[in-house]
N, C-alpha and C. Protein backbone atom coordinates (compact mmCIF):
# COMPACT_ATOMS: atom_id res chain seq x y z
N MET A 1 -1.91 6.86 12.46
CA MET A 1 -0.56 6.41 12.67
C MET A 1 0.21 6.47 11.35
N ASN A 2 1.51 6.49 11.47
CA ASN A 2 2.33 6.60 10.29
C ASN A 2 3.21 5.35 10.15
N TYR A 3 2.80 4.46 9.26
CA TYR A 3 3.55 3.24 9.00
C TYR A 3 4.33 3.41 7.71
N HIS A 4 5.46 2.76 7.60
CA HIS A 4 6.34 2.91 6.45
C HIS A 4 6.16 1.76 5.47
N TYR A 5 4.94 1.53 5.07
CA TYR A 5 4.65 0.48 4.11
C TYR A 5 4.49 1.06 2.72
N SER A 6 4.77 0.24 1.71
CA SER A 6 4.70 0.66 0.32
C SER A 6 3.26 0.66 -0.19
N MET A 7 3.05 1.54 -1.16
CA MET A 7 1.76 1.63 -1.81
C MET A 7 2.03 1.86 -3.30
N VAL A 8 1.45 1.03 -4.15
CA VAL A 8 1.56 1.21 -5.59
C VAL A 8 0.19 1.64 -6.09
N ILE A 9 0.15 2.82 -6.69
CA ILE A 9 -1.12 3.36 -7.18
C ILE A 9 -1.02 3.45 -8.70
N GLN A 10 -1.95 2.81 -9.38
CA GLN A 10 -1.93 2.85 -10.83
C GLN A 10 -3.33 3.05 -11.40
N TRP A 11 -3.37 3.73 -12.53
CA TRP A 11 -4.63 4.01 -13.20
C TRP A 11 -5.13 2.76 -13.92
N SER A 12 -6.41 2.47 -13.79
CA SER A 12 -7.04 1.38 -14.53
C SER A 12 -7.99 1.98 -15.54
N GLU A 13 -7.64 1.87 -16.80
CA GLU A 13 -8.51 2.37 -17.86
C GLU A 13 -9.83 1.61 -17.86
N GLU A 14 -9.76 0.31 -17.58
CA GLU A 14 -10.96 -0.54 -17.56
C GLU A 14 -11.94 -0.08 -16.47
N ASP A 15 -11.41 0.19 -15.28
CA ASP A 15 -12.27 0.57 -14.15
C ASP A 15 -12.51 2.07 -14.05
N LYS A 16 -11.67 2.85 -14.74
CA LYS A 16 -11.72 4.32 -14.66
C LYS A 16 -11.50 4.78 -13.21
N LEU A 17 -10.55 4.10 -12.54
CA LEU A 17 -10.21 4.38 -11.15
C LEU A 17 -8.71 4.19 -10.96
N PHE A 18 -8.17 4.79 -9.91
CA PHE A 18 -6.82 4.50 -9.46
C PHE A 18 -6.91 3.31 -8.51
N LEU A 19 -6.17 2.24 -8.80
CA LEU A 19 -6.17 1.04 -7.97
C LEU A 19 -4.93 1.04 -7.08
N VAL A 20 -5.09 0.54 -5.86
CA VAL A 20 -4.01 0.55 -4.88
C VAL A 20 -3.61 -0.88 -4.53
N HIS A 21 -2.32 -1.15 -4.70
CA HIS A 21 -1.73 -2.43 -4.31
C HIS A 21 -0.78 -2.16 -3.14
N LEU A 22 -0.81 -3.03 -2.15
CA LEU A 22 0.05 -2.91 -0.97
C LEU A 22 1.00 -4.11 -0.95
N PRO A 23 2.24 -3.94 -1.46
CA PRO A 23 3.15 -5.08 -1.61
C PRO A 23 3.44 -5.86 -0.34
N GLU A 24 3.46 -5.22 0.81
CA GLU A 24 3.75 -5.94 2.06
C GLU A 24 2.56 -6.76 2.55
N PHE A 25 1.41 -6.57 1.95
CA PHE A 25 0.20 -7.31 2.30
C PHE A 25 -0.31 -7.99 1.03
N PRO A 26 0.38 -9.05 0.56
CA PRO A 26 0.16 -9.59 -0.78
C PRO A 26 -1.01 -10.55 -0.96
N TRP A 27 -1.85 -10.74 0.03
CA TRP A 27 -2.86 -11.78 -0.11
C TRP A 27 -3.94 -11.45 -1.14
N GLN A 28 -3.96 -10.25 -1.68
CA GLN A 28 -4.80 -9.98 -2.85
C GLN A 28 -4.10 -8.91 -3.68
N GLU A 29 -4.40 -8.90 -4.98
CA GLU A 29 -3.64 -8.02 -5.86
C GLU A 29 -3.91 -6.55 -5.57
N PHE A 30 -5.19 -6.15 -5.50
CA PHE A 30 -5.51 -4.76 -5.22
C PHE A 30 -6.33 -4.70 -3.94
N HIS A 31 -6.06 -3.67 -3.14
CA HIS A 31 -6.68 -3.58 -1.82
C HIS A 31 -7.75 -2.50 -1.74
N THR A 32 -7.64 -1.46 -2.54
CA THR A 32 -8.63 -0.38 -2.52
C THR A 32 -8.47 0.42 -3.80
N HIS A 33 -9.19 1.51 -3.90
CA HIS A 33 -9.16 2.34 -5.11
C HIS A 33 -9.61 3.76 -4.77
N GLY A 34 -9.59 4.61 -5.76
CA GLY A 34 -10.08 5.98 -5.60
C GLY A 34 -10.34 6.60 -6.95
N ARG A 35 -11.24 7.58 -6.98
CA ARG A 35 -11.52 8.29 -8.24
C ARG A 35 -10.38 9.24 -8.61
N THR A 36 -9.66 9.71 -7.58
CA THR A 36 -8.49 10.55 -7.81
C THR A 36 -7.29 9.86 -7.17
N TYR A 37 -6.09 10.31 -7.56
CA TYR A 37 -4.87 9.76 -6.99
C TYR A 37 -4.85 10.01 -5.48
N GLU A 38 -5.25 11.21 -5.08
CA GLU A 38 -5.25 11.57 -3.67
C GLU A 38 -6.22 10.71 -2.87
N GLU A 39 -7.40 10.47 -3.43
CA GLU A 39 -8.38 9.63 -2.75
C GLU A 39 -7.86 8.20 -2.62
N ALA A 40 -7.21 7.70 -3.66
CA ALA A 40 -6.64 6.35 -3.62
C ALA A 40 -5.57 6.26 -2.53
N ALA A 41 -4.72 7.29 -2.42
CA ALA A 41 -3.67 7.30 -1.40
C ALA A 41 -4.28 7.31 0.00
N ARG A 42 -5.31 8.14 0.21
CA ARG A 42 -5.98 8.17 1.53
C ARG A 42 -6.59 6.81 1.85
N ASN A 43 -7.27 6.23 0.87
CA ASN A 43 -7.89 4.92 1.09
C ASN A 43 -6.84 3.85 1.35
N GLY A 44 -5.71 3.92 0.65
CA GLY A 44 -4.63 2.97 0.88
C GLY A 44 -4.08 3.08 2.29
N GLN A 45 -3.92 4.30 2.78
CA GLN A 45 -3.44 4.51 4.15
C GLN A 45 -4.42 3.93 5.16
N GLU A 46 -5.71 4.10 4.92
CA GLU A 46 -6.73 3.54 5.82
C GLU A 46 -6.65 2.02 5.85
N VAL A 47 -6.45 1.40 4.68
CA VAL A 47 -6.35 -0.06 4.62
C VAL A 47 -5.11 -0.54 5.36
N ILE A 48 -3.99 0.15 5.19
CA ILE A 48 -2.77 -0.21 5.93
C ILE A 48 -3.04 -0.17 7.43
N GLU A 49 -3.66 0.90 7.90
CA GLU A 49 -3.95 1.01 9.33
C GLU A 49 -4.87 -0.10 9.80
N THR A 50 -5.85 -0.45 8.99
CA THR A 50 -6.78 -1.53 9.33
C THR A 50 -6.05 -2.87 9.41
N PHE A 51 -5.19 -3.14 8.41
CA PHE A 51 -4.43 -4.39 8.43
C PHE A 51 -3.52 -4.47 9.65
N VAL A 52 -2.84 -3.38 9.98
CA VAL A 52 -1.94 -3.36 11.14
C VAL A 52 -2.73 -3.63 12.42
N GLU A 53 -3.86 -2.95 12.59
CA GLU A 53 -4.69 -3.17 13.78
C GLU A 53 -5.15 -4.62 13.87
N MET A 54 -5.60 -5.17 12.72
CA MET A 54 -6.09 -6.55 12.69
C MET A 54 -4.98 -7.53 13.07
N LEU A 55 -3.79 -7.35 12.49
CA LEU A 55 -2.69 -8.26 12.80
C LEU A 55 -2.27 -8.14 14.26
N LYS A 56 -2.26 -6.93 14.81
CA LYS A 56 -1.92 -6.75 16.22
C LYS A 56 -2.95 -7.43 17.13
N GLU A 57 -4.23 -7.27 16.80
CA GLU A 57 -5.29 -7.90 17.61
C GLU A 57 -5.17 -9.42 17.58
N GLU A 58 -4.73 -9.97 16.45
CA GLU A 58 -4.58 -11.41 16.31
C GLU A 58 -3.21 -11.90 16.77
N ASN A 59 -2.41 -10.99 17.36
CA ASN A 59 -1.06 -11.30 17.83
C ASN A 59 -0.19 -11.90 16.73
N LYS A 60 -0.34 -11.39 15.53
CA LYS A 60 0.46 -11.85 14.40
C LYS A 60 1.58 -10.83 14.15
N VAL A 61 2.63 -11.30 13.55
CA VAL A 61 3.79 -10.46 13.26
C VAL A 61 3.46 -9.52 12.10
N LEU A 62 3.84 -8.25 12.26
CA LEU A 62 3.65 -7.29 11.17
C LEU A 62 4.71 -7.54 10.11
N PRO A 63 4.34 -7.38 8.83
CA PRO A 63 5.34 -7.55 7.79
C PRO A 63 6.40 -6.46 7.86
N GLU A 64 7.60 -6.80 7.43
CA GLU A 64 8.69 -5.81 7.38
C GLU A 64 8.42 -4.85 6.22
N PRO A 65 8.55 -3.55 6.44
CA PRO A 65 8.40 -2.61 5.33
C PRO A 65 9.52 -2.81 4.31
N ARG A 66 9.18 -2.67 3.05
CA ARG A 66 10.19 -2.73 1.99
C ARG A 66 10.85 -1.38 1.90
N MET A 67 12.16 -1.37 1.91
CA MET A 67 12.91 -0.12 1.88
C MET A 67 13.74 -0.04 0.60
N LEU A 68 13.87 1.17 0.09
CA LEU A 68 14.76 1.41 -1.04
C LEU A 68 16.18 1.27 -0.56
N PRO A 69 17.10 0.90 -1.45
CA PRO A 69 18.51 0.81 -1.04
C PRO A 69 19.00 2.17 -0.57
N LYS A 70 19.91 2.14 0.41
CA LYS A 70 20.46 3.39 0.93
C LYS A 70 21.40 4.03 -0.09
N LYS A 71 22.02 3.21 -0.93
CA LYS A 71 22.91 3.70 -1.97
C LYS A 71 22.06 4.29 -3.10
N PRO A 72 22.37 5.49 -3.60
CA PRO A 72 21.58 6.09 -4.67
C PRO A 72 21.54 5.20 -5.91
N LEU A 73 20.38 5.17 -6.55
CA LEU A 73 20.25 4.41 -7.78
C LEU A 73 20.99 5.10 -8.91
N GLN A 74 21.63 4.35 -9.76
CA GLN A 74 22.37 4.90 -10.90
C GLN A 74 21.45 4.91 -12.11
N VAL A 75 21.39 6.04 -12.78
CA VAL A 75 20.57 6.18 -13.97
C VAL A 75 21.50 6.22 -15.17
N ALA A 76 21.20 5.42 -16.17
CA ALA A 76 22.07 5.34 -17.36
C ALA A 76 21.95 6.60 -18.19
């Protein structure tokens, strides 16, 4: 499935991995990781799908996706 949730992927020098944070699911800082950026993104998508399924099964409300402003950002 294709959900419009945010994913922040950042390199961890300490772990030597790309760590994935899912801002709309804030109950823990990092949710998954990957050895490559692509692997981290795939793993992040799997976690999002798992969280959505879990929340639906528990009849809980899905979090609202965070959206960028429709107005273009101004760069100085």
